[in-house]
Amino acid sequence: MQVSADQAEVIALKALAWLMTNDELLPVFMGATGAAEADLRENAADPAFLGSLLDFLTMDDAWVVEFCDQAGIAYELPMLARMALPGGAQMHWT
């Protein structure tokens, strides 16, 4: 399955909305990125920012499961969406 850039942005925006309501994980994201709450709103339309958000989300399987269960999407979609956004291309060294 392949995800278009537009579909990837929608998935990432859903992840951002989910993150904004997660009182435990939002401070972790903000601490790890140095982002302020205003930055989240300001950069919500930036595909590179959305990619970095999905990078963060996909660091932990439990976060992916929690987000996907809440959003009603397949568990592989956050990673597929990440690959469709800037900086998400996988490197093949062989």
PDB file of N, CA and C in Angstrom:
ATOM      1  N   MET A   1       0.843  -1.169   0.000  1.00  0.00           N
ATOM      2  CA  MET A   1       0.000   0.000   0.000  1.00  0.00           C
ATOM      3  C   MET A   1       0.894   1.241   0.000  1.00  0.00           C
ATOM      4  N   GLN A   2       0.531   2.210  -0.803  1.00  0.00           N
ATOM      5  CA  GLN A   2       1.273   3.457  -0.862  1.00  0.00           C
ATOM      6  C   GLN A   2       0.349   4.587  -0.421  1.00  0.00           C
ATOM      7  N   VAL A   3       0.926   5.574   0.223  1.00  0.00           N
ATOM      8  CA  VAL A   3       0.177   6.715   0.720  1.00  0.00           C
ATOM      9  C   VAL A   3       0.638   7.950  -0.048  1.00  0.00           C
ATOM     10  N   SER A   4      -0.302   8.740  -0.552  1.00  0.00           N
ATOM     11  CA  SER A   4       0.055   9.981  -1.249  1.00  0.00           C
ATOM     12  C   SER A   4       0.488  11.038  -0.232  1.00  0.00           C
ATOM     13  N   ALA A   5       1.118  12.075  -0.723  1.00  0.00           N
ATOM     14  CA  ALA A   5       1.548  13.161   0.159  1.00  0.00           C
ATOM     15  C   ALA A   5       0.339  13.808   0.845  1.00  0.00           C
ATOM     16  N   ASP A   6      -0.751  13.966   0.109  1.00  0.00           N
ATOM     17  CA  ASP A   6      -1.956  14.552   0.708  1.00  0.00           C
ATOM     18  C   ASP A   6      -2.530  13.656   1.804  1.00  0.00           C
ATOM     19  N   GLN A   7      -2.588  12.366   1.538  1.00  0.00           N
ATOM     20  CA  GLN A   7      -3.071  11.422   2.554  1.00  0.00           C
ATOM     21  C   GLN A   7      -2.144  11.422   3.764  1.00  0.00           C
ATOM     22  N   ALA A   8      -0.838  11.507   3.515  1.00  0.00           N
ATOM     23  CA  ALA A   8       0.148  11.523   4.598  1.00  0.00           C
ATOM     24  C   ALA A   8      -0.056  12.743   5.490  1.00  0.00           C
ATOM     25  N   GLU A   9      -0.328  13.884   4.879  1.00  0.00           N
ATOM     26  CA  GLU A   9      -0.553  15.092   5.665  1.00  0.00           C
ATOM     27  C   GLU A   9      -1.805  14.968   6.524  1.00  0.00           C
ATOM     28  N   VAL A  10      -2.847  14.351   5.989  1.00  0.00           N
ATOM     29  CA  VAL A  10      -4.077  14.155   6.768  1.00  0.00           C
ATOM     30  C   VAL A  10      -3.795  13.247   7.965  1.00  0.00           C
ATOM     31  N   ILE A  11      -3.066  12.178   7.755  1.00  0.00           N
ATOM     32  CA  ILE A  11      -2.720  11.265   8.847  1.00  0.00           C
ATOM     33  C   ILE A  11      -1.881  11.997   9.894  1.00  0.00           C
ATOM     34  N   ALA A  12      -0.909  12.773   9.442  1.00  0.00           N
ATOM     35  CA  ALA A  12      -0.054  13.515  10.373  1.00  0.00           C
ATOM     36  C   ALA A  12      -0.855  14.559  11.145  1.00  0.00           C
ATOM     37  N   LEU A  13      -1.802  15.212  10.499  1.00  0.00           N
ATOM     38  CA  LEU A  13      -2.635  16.182  11.206  1.00  0.00           C
ATOM     39  C   LEU A  13      -3.515  15.495  12.250  1.00  0.00           C
ATOM     40  N   LYS A  14      -3.991  14.304  11.937  1.00  0.00           N
ATOM     41  CA  LYS A  14      -4.734  13.532  12.941  1.00  0.00           C
ATOM     42  C   LYS A  14      -3.829  13.180  14.105  1.00  0.00           C
ATOM     43  N   ALA A  15      -2.576  12.835  13.795  1.00  0.00           N
ATOM     44  CA  ALA A  15      -1.611  12.522  14.854  1.00  0.00           C
ATOM     45  C   ALA A  15      -1.331  13.758  15.704  1.00  0.00           C
ATOM     46  N   LEU A  16      -1.234  14.917  15.074  1.00  0.00           N
ATOM     47  CA  LEU A  16      -1.021  16.159  15.815  1.00  0.00           C
ATOM     48  C   LEU A  16      -2.202  16.442  16.737  1.00  0.00           C
ATOM     49  N   ALA A  17      -3.407  16.284  16.229  1.00  0.00           N
ATOM     50  CA  ALA A  17      -4.602  16.497  17.055  1.00  0.00           C
ATOM     51  C   ALA A  17      -4.616  15.531  18.232  1.00  0.00           C
ATOM     52  N   TRP A  18      -4.255  14.274  17.980  1.00  0.00           N
ATOM     53  CA  TRP A  18      -4.195  13.275  19.048  1.00  0.00           C
ATOM     54  C   TRP A  18      -3.135  13.660  20.076  1.00  0.00           C
ATOM     55  N   LEU A  19      -1.978  14.077  19.595  1.00  0.00           N
ATOM     56  CA  LEU A  19      -0.882  14.445  20.487  1.00  0.00           C
ATOM     57  C   LEU A  19      -1.275  15.637  21.359  1.00  0.00           C
ATOM     58  N   MET A  20      -1.977  16.591  20.783  1.00  0.00           N
ATOM     59  CA  MET A  20      -2.372  17.787  21.534  1.00  0.00           C
ATOM     60  C   MET A  20      -3.320  17.455  22.687  1.00  0.00           C
ATOM     61  N   THR A  21      -4.017  16.328  22.598  1.00  0.00           N
ATOM     62  CA  THR A  21      -4.933  15.931  23.676  1.00  0.00           C
ATOM     63  C   THR A  21      -4.307  14.935  24.634  1.00  0.00           C
ATOM     64  N   ASN A  22      -3.055  14.546  24.368  1.00  0.00           N
ATOM     65  CA  ASN A  22      -2.374  13.558  25.197  1.00  0.00           C
ATOM     66  C   ASN A  22      -1.512  14.285  26.231  1.00  0.00           C
ATOM     67  N   ASP A  23      -2.033  14.408  27.439  1.00  0.00           N
ATOM     68  CA  ASP A  23      -1.366  15.180  28.486  1.00  0.00           C
ATOM     69  C   ASP A  23      -0.033  14.585  28.929  1.00  0.00           C
ATOM     70  N   GLU A  24       0.164  13.301  28.714  1.00  0.00           N
ATOM     71  CA  GLU A  24       1.428  12.668  29.100  1.00  0.00           C
ATOM     72  C   GLU A  24       2.482  12.788  28.006  1.00  0.00           C
ATOM     73  N   LEU A  25       2.084  12.632  26.764  1.00  0.00           N
ATOM     74  CA  LEU A  25       3.041  12.579  25.663  1.00  0.00           C
ATOM     75  C   LEU A  25       3.370  13.949  25.081  1.00  0.00           C
ATOM     76  N   LEU A  26       2.439  14.889  25.119  1.00  0.00           N
ATOM     77  CA  LEU A  26       2.695  16.210  24.549  1.00  0.00           C
ATOM     78  C   LEU A  26       3.919  16.878  25.169  1.00  0.00           C
ATOM     79  N   PRO A  27       4.079  16.868  26.498  1.00  0.00           N
ATOM     80  CA  PRO A  27       5.290  17.481  27.065  1.00  0.00           C
ATOM     81  C   PRO A  27       6.575  16.766  26.643  1.00  0.00           C
ATOM     82  N   VAL A  28       6.493  15.470  26.401  1.00  0.00           N
ATOM     83  CA  VAL A  28       7.666  14.721  25.942  1.00  0.00           C
ATOM     84  C   VAL A  28       8.048  15.190  24.536  1.00  0.00           C
ATOM     85  N   PHE A  29       7.055  15.326  23.664  1.00  0.00           N
ATOM     86  CA  PHE A  29       7.310  15.801  22.310  1.00  0.00           C
ATOM     87  C   PHE A  29       7.888  17.210  22.335  1.00  0.00           C
ATOM     88  N   MET A  30       7.271  18.067  23.107  1.00  0.00           N
ATOM     89  CA  MET A  30       7.729  19.450  23.158  1.00  0.00           C
ATOM     90  C   MET A  30       9.134  19.550  23.750  1.00  0.00           C
ATOM     91  N   GLY A  31       9.423  18.740  24.742  1.00  0.00           N
ATOM     92  CA  GLY A  31      10.765  18.731  25.319  1.00  0.00           C
ATOM     93  C   GLY A  31      11.800  18.186  24.360  1.00  0.00           C
ATOM     94  N   ALA A  32      11.426  17.162  23.608  1.00  0.00           N
ATOM     95  CA  ALA A  32      12.363  16.545  22.665  1.00  0.00           C
ATOM     96  C   ALA A  32      12.642  17.437  21.464  1.00  0.00           C
ATOM     97  N   THR A  33      11.654  18.227  21.067  1.00  0.00           N
ATOM     98  CA  THR A  33      11.806  19.046  19.864  1.00  0.00           C
ATOM     99  C   THR A  33      12.119  20.503  20.160  1.00  0.00           C
ATOM    100  N   GLY A  34      11.844  20.942  21.385  1.00  0.00           N
ATOM    101  CA  GLY A  34      12.010  22.349  21.718  1.00  0.00           C
ATOM    102  C   GLY A  34      10.868  23.205  21.202  1.00  0.00           C
ATOM    103  N   ALA A  35       9.830  22.568  20.701  1.00  0.00           N
ATOM    104  CA  ALA A  35       8.680  23.306  20.155  1.00  0.00           C
ATOM    105  C   ALA A  35       7.809  23.847  21.276  1.00  0.00           C
ATOM    106  N   ALA A  36       7.236  25.001  21.031  1.00  0.00           N
ATOM    107  CA  ALA A  36       6.242  25.577  21.931  1.00  0.00           C
ATOM    108  C   ALA A  36       4.863  25.302  21.344  1.00  0.00           C
ATOM    109  N   GLU A  37       3.833  25.497  22.143  1.00  0.00           N
ATOM    110  CA  GLU A  37       2.485  25.228  21.656  1.00  0.00           C
ATOM    111  C   GLU A  37       2.150  26.079  20.423  1.00  0.00           C
ATOM    112  N   ALA A  38       2.620  27.309  20.392  1.00  0.00           N
ATOM    113  CA  ALA A  38       2.380  28.175  19.231  1.00  0.00           C
ATOM    114  C   ALA A  38       3.058  27.597  17.990  1.00  0.00           C
ATOM    115  N   ASP A  39       4.213  26.959  18.164  1.00  0.00           N
ATOM    116  CA  ASP A  39       4.912  26.344  17.033  1.00  0.00           C
ATOM    117  C   ASP A  39       4.083  25.221  16.422  1.00  0.00           C
ATOM    118  N   LEU A  40       3.365  24.494  17.255  1.00  0.00           N
ATOM    119  CA  LEU A  40       2.545  23.392  16.755  1.00  0.00           C
ATOM    120  C   LEU A  40       1.477  23.917  15.808  1.00  0.00           C
ATOM    121  N   ARG A  41       0.817  24.983  16.207  1.00  0.00           N
ATOM    122  CA  ARG A  41      -0.223  25.570  15.350  1.00  0.00           C
ATOM    123  C   ARG A  41       0.391  26.199  14.100  1.00  0.00           C
ATOM    124  N   GLU A  42       1.484  26.912  14.301  1.00  0.00           N
ATOM    125  CA  GLU A  42       2.122  27.632  13.193  1.00  0.00           C
ATOM    126  C   GLU A  42       2.668  26.694  12.122  1.00  0.00           C
ATOM    127  N   ASN A  43       3.172  25.534  12.529  1.00  0.00           N
ATOM    128  CA  ASN A  43       3.815  24.613  11.595  1.00  0.00           C
ATOM    129  C   ASN A  43       2.925  23.464  11.138  1.00  0.00           C
ATOM    130  N   ALA A  44       1.666  23.491  11.495  1.00  0.00           N
ATOM    131  CA  ALA A  44       0.766  22.393  11.153  1.00  0.00           C
ATOM    132  C   ALA A  44       0.615  22.208   9.648  1.00  0.00           C
ATOM    133  N   ALA A  45       0.880  23.237   8.870  1.00  0.00           N
ATOM    134  CA  ALA A  45       0.762  23.130   7.411  1.00  0.00           C
ATOM    135  C   ALA A  45       2.089  22.803   6.735  1.00  0.00           C
ATOM    136  N   ASP A  46       3.143  22.645   7.514  1.00  0.00           N
ATOM    137  CA  ASP A  46       4.478  22.391   6.969  1.00  0.00           C
ATOM    138  C   ASP A  46       4.713  20.880   6.872  1.00  0.00           C
ATOM    139  N   PRO A  47       4.817  20.329   5.663  1.00  0.00           N
ATOM    140  CA  PRO A  47       5.016  18.887   5.505  1.00  0.00           C
ATOM    141  C   PRO A  47       6.266  18.367   6.220  1.00  0.00           C
ATOM    142  N   ALA A  48       7.328  19.167   6.277  1.00  0.00           N
ATOM    143  CA  ALA A  48       8.543  18.723   6.972  1.00  0.00           C
ATOM    144  C   ALA A  48       8.295  18.599   8.477  1.00  0.00           C
ATOM    145  N   PHE A  49       7.552  19.542   9.048  1.00  0.00           N
ATOM    146  CA  PHE A  49       7.196  19.467  10.466  1.00  0.00           C
ATOM    147  C   PHE A  49       6.326  18.251  10.728  1.00  0.00           C
ATOM    148  N   LEU A  50       5.344  18.025   9.851  1.00  0.00           N
ATOM    149  CA  LEU A  50       4.472  16.865  10.021  1.00  0.00           C
ATOM    150  C   LEU A  50       5.271  15.572   9.939  1.00  0.00           C
ATOM    151  N   GLY A  51       6.276  15.546   9.075  1.00  0.00           N
ATOM    152  CA  GLY A  51       7.150  14.381   9.005  1.00  0.00           C
ATOM    153  C   GLY A  51       7.901  14.163  10.302  1.00  0.00           C
ATOM    154  N   SER A  52       8.389  15.247  10.904  1.00  0.00           N
ATOM    155  CA  SER A  52       9.114  15.110  12.169  1.00  0.00           C
ATOM    156  C   SER A  52       8.183  14.650  13.284  1.00  0.00           C
ATOM    157  N   LEU A  53       6.931  15.081  13.217  1.00  0.00           N
ATOM    158  CA  LEU A  53       5.946  14.612  14.189  1.00  0.00           C
ATOM    159  C   LEU A  53       5.747  13.107  14.064  1.00  0.00           C
ATOM    160  N   LEU A  54       5.649  12.621  12.825  1.00  0.00           N
ATOM    161  CA  LEU A  54       5.497  11.173  12.618  1.00  0.00           C
ATOM    162  C   LEU A  54       6.771  10.424  12.985  1.00  0.00           C
ATOM    163  N   ASP A  55       7.935  11.047  12.800  1.00  0.00           N
ATOM    164  CA  ASP A  55       9.183  10.439  13.282  1.00  0.00           C
ATOM    165  C   ASP A  55       9.091  10.190  14.780  1.00  0.00           C
ATOM    166  N   PHE A  56       8.630  11.188  15.500  1.00  0.00           N
ATOM    167  CA  PHE A  56       8.487  11.066  16.953  1.00  0.00           C
ATOM    168  C   PHE A  56       7.484   9.976  17.310  1.00  0.00           C
ATOM    169  N   LEU A  57       6.324  10.024  16.689  1.00  0.00           N
ATOM    170  CA  LEU A  57       5.264   9.062  16.997  1.00  0.00           C
ATOM    171  C   LEU A  57       5.724   7.626  16.769  1.00  0.00           C
ATOM    172  N   THR A  58       6.437   7.391  15.686  1.00  0.00           N
ATOM    173  CA  THR A  58       6.813   6.021  15.331  1.00  0.00           C
ATOM    174  C   THR A  58       8.031   5.512  16.102  1.00  0.00           C
ATOM    175  N   MET A  59       8.532   6.310  17.044  1.00  0.00           N
ATOM    176  CA  MET A  59       9.636   5.842  17.890  1.00  0.00           C
ATOM    177  C   MET A  59       9.178   4.769  18.882  1.00  0.00           C
ATOM    178  N   ASP A  60       7.889   4.714  19.157  1.00  0.00           N
ATOM    179  CA  ASP A  60       7.391   3.791  20.179  1.00  0.00           C
ATOM    180  C   ASP A  60       6.132   3.094  19.660  1.00  0.00           C
ATOM    181  N   ASP A  61       6.187   1.780  19.602  1.00  0.00           N
ATOM    182  CA  ASP A  61       5.041   1.004  19.104  1.00  0.00           C
ATOM    183  C   ASP A  61       3.778   1.262  19.914  1.00  0.00           C
ATOM    184  N   ALA A  62       3.918   1.461  21.218  1.00  0.00           N
ATOM    185  CA  ALA A  62       2.737   1.702  22.055  1.00  0.00           C
ATOM    186  C   ALA A  62       2.053   3.003  21.661  1.00  0.00           C
ATOM    187  N   TRP A  63       2.834   4.026  21.295  1.00  0.00           N
ATOM    188  CA  TRP A  63       2.248   5.294  20.858  1.00  0.00           C
ATOM    189  C   TRP A  63       1.504   5.097  19.544  1.00  0.00           C
ATOM    190  N   VAL A  64       2.114   4.337  18.639  1.00  0.00           N
ATOM    191  CA  VAL A  64       1.482   4.079  17.344  1.00  0.00           C
ATOM    192  C   VAL A  64       0.157   3.355  17.547  1.00  0.00           C
ATOM    193  N   VAL A  65       0.174   2.331  18.374  1.00  0.00           N
ATOM    194  CA  VAL A  65      -1.046   1.557  18.630  1.00  0.00           C
ATOM    195  C   VAL A  65      -2.127   2.446  19.245  1.00  0.00           C
ATOM    196  N   GLU A  66      -1.741   3.245  20.230  1.00  0.00           N
ATOM    197  CA  GLU A  66      -2.714   4.124  20.895  1.00  0.00           C
ATOM    198  C   GLU A  66      -3.313   5.128  19.906  1.00  0.00           C
ATOM    199  N   PHE A  67      -2.459   5.753  19.100  1.00  0.00           N
ATOM    200  CA  PHE A  67      -2.950   6.705  18.105  1.00  0.00           C
ATOM    201  C   PHE A  67      -3.851   6.023  17.082  1.00  0.00           C
ATOM    202  N   CYS A  68      -3.380   4.928  16.515  1.00  0.00           N
ATOM    203  CA  CYS A  68      -4.147   4.243  15.465  1.00  0.00           C
ATOM    204  C   CYS A  68      -5.477   3.730  15.982  1.00  0.00           C
ATOM    205  N   ASP A  69      -5.497   3.196  17.195  1.00  0.00           N
ATOM    206  CA  ASP A  69      -6.753   2.731  17.778  1.00  0.00           C
ATOM    207  C   ASP A  69      -7.734   3.892  17.941  1.00  0.00           C
ATOM    208  N   GLN A  70      -7.236   5.023  18.395  1.00  0.00           N
ATOM    209  CA  GLN A  70      -8.094   6.183  18.589  1.00  0.00           C
ATOM    210  C   GLN A  70      -8.577   6.727  17.243  1.00  0.00           C
ATOM    211  N   ALA A  71      -7.690   6.742  16.232  1.00  0.00           N
ATOM    212  CA  ALA A  71      -8.031   7.297  14.924  1.00  0.00           C
ATOM    213  C   ALA A  71      -8.771   6.305  14.036  1.00  0.00           C
ATOM    214  N   GLY A  72      -8.763   5.027  14.418  1.00  0.00           N
ATOM    215  CA  GLY A  72      -9.436   4.005  13.616  1.00  0.00           C
ATOM    216  C   GLY A  72      -8.721   3.716  12.307  1.00  0.00           C
ATOM    217  N   ILE A  73      -7.386   3.754  12.348  1.00  0.00           N
ATOM    218  CA  ILE A  73      -6.601   3.480  11.144  1.00  0.00           C
ATOM    219  C   ILE A  73      -5.670   2.290  11.379  1.00  0.00           C
ATOM    220  N   ALA A  74      -5.172   1.734  10.295  1.00  0.00           N
ATOM    221  CA  ALA A  74      -4.266   0.585  10.371  1.00  0.00           C
ATOM    222  C   ALA A  74      -2.933   0.995  10.986  1.00  0.00           C
ATOM    223  N   TYR A  75      -2.318   0.076  11.715  1.00  0.00           N
ATOM    224  CA  TYR A  75      -1.075   0.369  12.433  1.00  0.00           C
ATOM    225  C   TYR A  75       0.089   0.751  11.520  1.00  0.00           C
ATOM    226  N   GLU A  76       0.074   0.318  10.285  1.00  0.00           N
ATOM    227  CA  GLU A  76       1.190   0.633   9.393  1.00  0.00           C
ATOM    228  C   GLU A  76       1.070   2.026   8.761  1.00  0.00           C
ATOM    229  N   LEU A  77      -0.079   2.657   8.868  1.00  0.00           N
ATOM    230  CA  LEU A  77      -0.280   3.935   8.178  1.00  0.00           C
ATOM    231  C   LEU A  77       0.618   5.075   8.659  1.00  0.00           C
ATOM    232  N   PRO A  78       0.910   5.219   9.953  1.00  0.00           N
ATOM    233  CA  PRO A  78       1.829   6.301  10.332  1.00  0.00           C
ATOM    234  C   PRO A  78       3.206   6.176   9.663  1.00  0.00           C
ATOM    235  N   MET A  79       3.741   4.983   9.551  1.00  0.00           N
ATOM    236  CA  MET A  79       5.049   4.816   8.908  1.00  0.00           C
ATOM    237  C   MET A  79       4.946   5.040   7.401  1.00  0.00           C
ATOM    238  N   LEU A  80       3.880   4.554   6.791  1.00  0.00           N
ATOM    239  CA  LEU A  80       3.688   4.796   5.366  1.00  0.00           C
ATOM    240  C   LEU A  80       3.516   6.290   5.094  1.00  0.00           C
ATOM    241  N   ALA A  81       2.800   6.963   5.975  1.00  0.00           N
ATOM    242  CA  ALA A  81       2.637   8.411   5.828  1.00  0.00           C
ATOM    243  C   ALA A  81       3.981   9.110   5.995  1.00  0.00           C
ATOM    244  N   ARG A  82       4.781   8.651   6.939  1.00  0.00           N
ATOM    245  CA  ARG A  82       6.093   9.266   7.151  1.00  0.00           C
ATOM    246  C   ARG A  82       6.945   9.172   5.901  1.00  0.00           C
ATOM    247  N   MET A  83       6.895   8.040   5.247  1.00  0.00           N
ATOM    248  CA  MET A  83       7.705   7.835   4.047  1.00  0.00           C
ATOM    249  C   MET A  83       7.256   8.729   2.898  1.00  0.00           C
ATOM    250  N   ALA A  84       6.008   9.211   2.922  1.00  0.00           N
ATOM    251  CA  ALA A  84       5.490  10.051   1.845  1.00  0.00           C
ATOM    252  C   ALA A  84       5.761  11.542   2.062  1.00  0.00           C
ATOM    253  N   LEU A  85       6.268  11.892   3.233  1.00  0.00           N
ATOM    254  CA  LEU A  85       6.541  13.293   3.542  1.00  0.00           C
ATOM    255  C   LEU A  85       8.029  13.595   3.375  1.00  0.00           C
ATOM    256  N   PRO A  86       8.404  14.869   3.269  1.00  0.00           N
ATOM    257  CA  PRO A  86       9.813  15.218   3.083  1.00  0.00           C
ATOM    258  C   PRO A  86      10.733  14.590   4.123  1.00  0.00           C
ATOM    259  N   GLY A  87      11.816  14.000   3.655  1.00  0.00           N
ATOM    260  CA  GLY A  87      12.792  13.364   4.538  1.00  0.00           C
ATOM    261  C   GLY A  87      12.449  11.941   4.918  1.00  0.00           C
ATOM    262  N   GLY A  88      11.359  11.420   4.390  1.00  0.00           N
ATOM    263  CA  GLY A  88      10.906  10.101   4.799  1.00  0.00           C
ATOM    264  C   GLY A  88      11.343   8.955   3.898  1.00  0.00           C
ATOM    265  N   ALA A  89      12.052   9.259   2.831  1.00  0.00           N
ATOM    266  CA  ALA A  89      12.494   8.197   1.922  1.00  0.00           C
ATOM    267  C   ALA A  89      13.482   7.283   2.638  1.00  0.00           C
ATOM    268  N   GLN A  90      13.280   6.006   2.472  1.00  0.00           N
ATOM    269  CA  GLN A  90      14.184   5.046   3.102  1.00  0.00           C
ATOM    270  C   GLN A  90      15.439   4.893   2.267  1.00  0.00           C
ATOM    271  N   MET A  91      16.571   4.846   2.955  1.00  0.00           N
ATOM    272  CA  MET A  91      17.850   4.672   2.283  1.00  0.00           C
ATOM    273  C   MET A  91      18.148   3.187   2.131  1.00  0.00           C
ATOM    274  N   HIS A  92      18.587   2.806   0.977  1.00  0.00           N
ATOM    275  CA  HIS A  92      18.989   1.419   0.724  1.00  0.00           C
ATOM    276  C   HIS A  92      20.495   1.440   0.452  1.00  0.00           C
ATOM    277  N   TRP A  93      21.247   0.812   1.310  1.00  0.00           N
ATOM    278  CA  TRP A  93      22.704   0.852   1.220  1.00  0.00           C
ATOM    279  C   TRP A  93      23.274  -0.316   0.443  1.00  0.00           C
ATOM    280  N   THR A  94      22.420  -1.184  -0.039  1.00  0.00           N
ATOM    281  CA  THR A  94      22.942  -2.340  -0.784  1.00  0.00           C
ATOM    282  C   THR A  94      22.679  -2.203  -2.248  1.00  0.00           C
TER     283      THR A  94
END
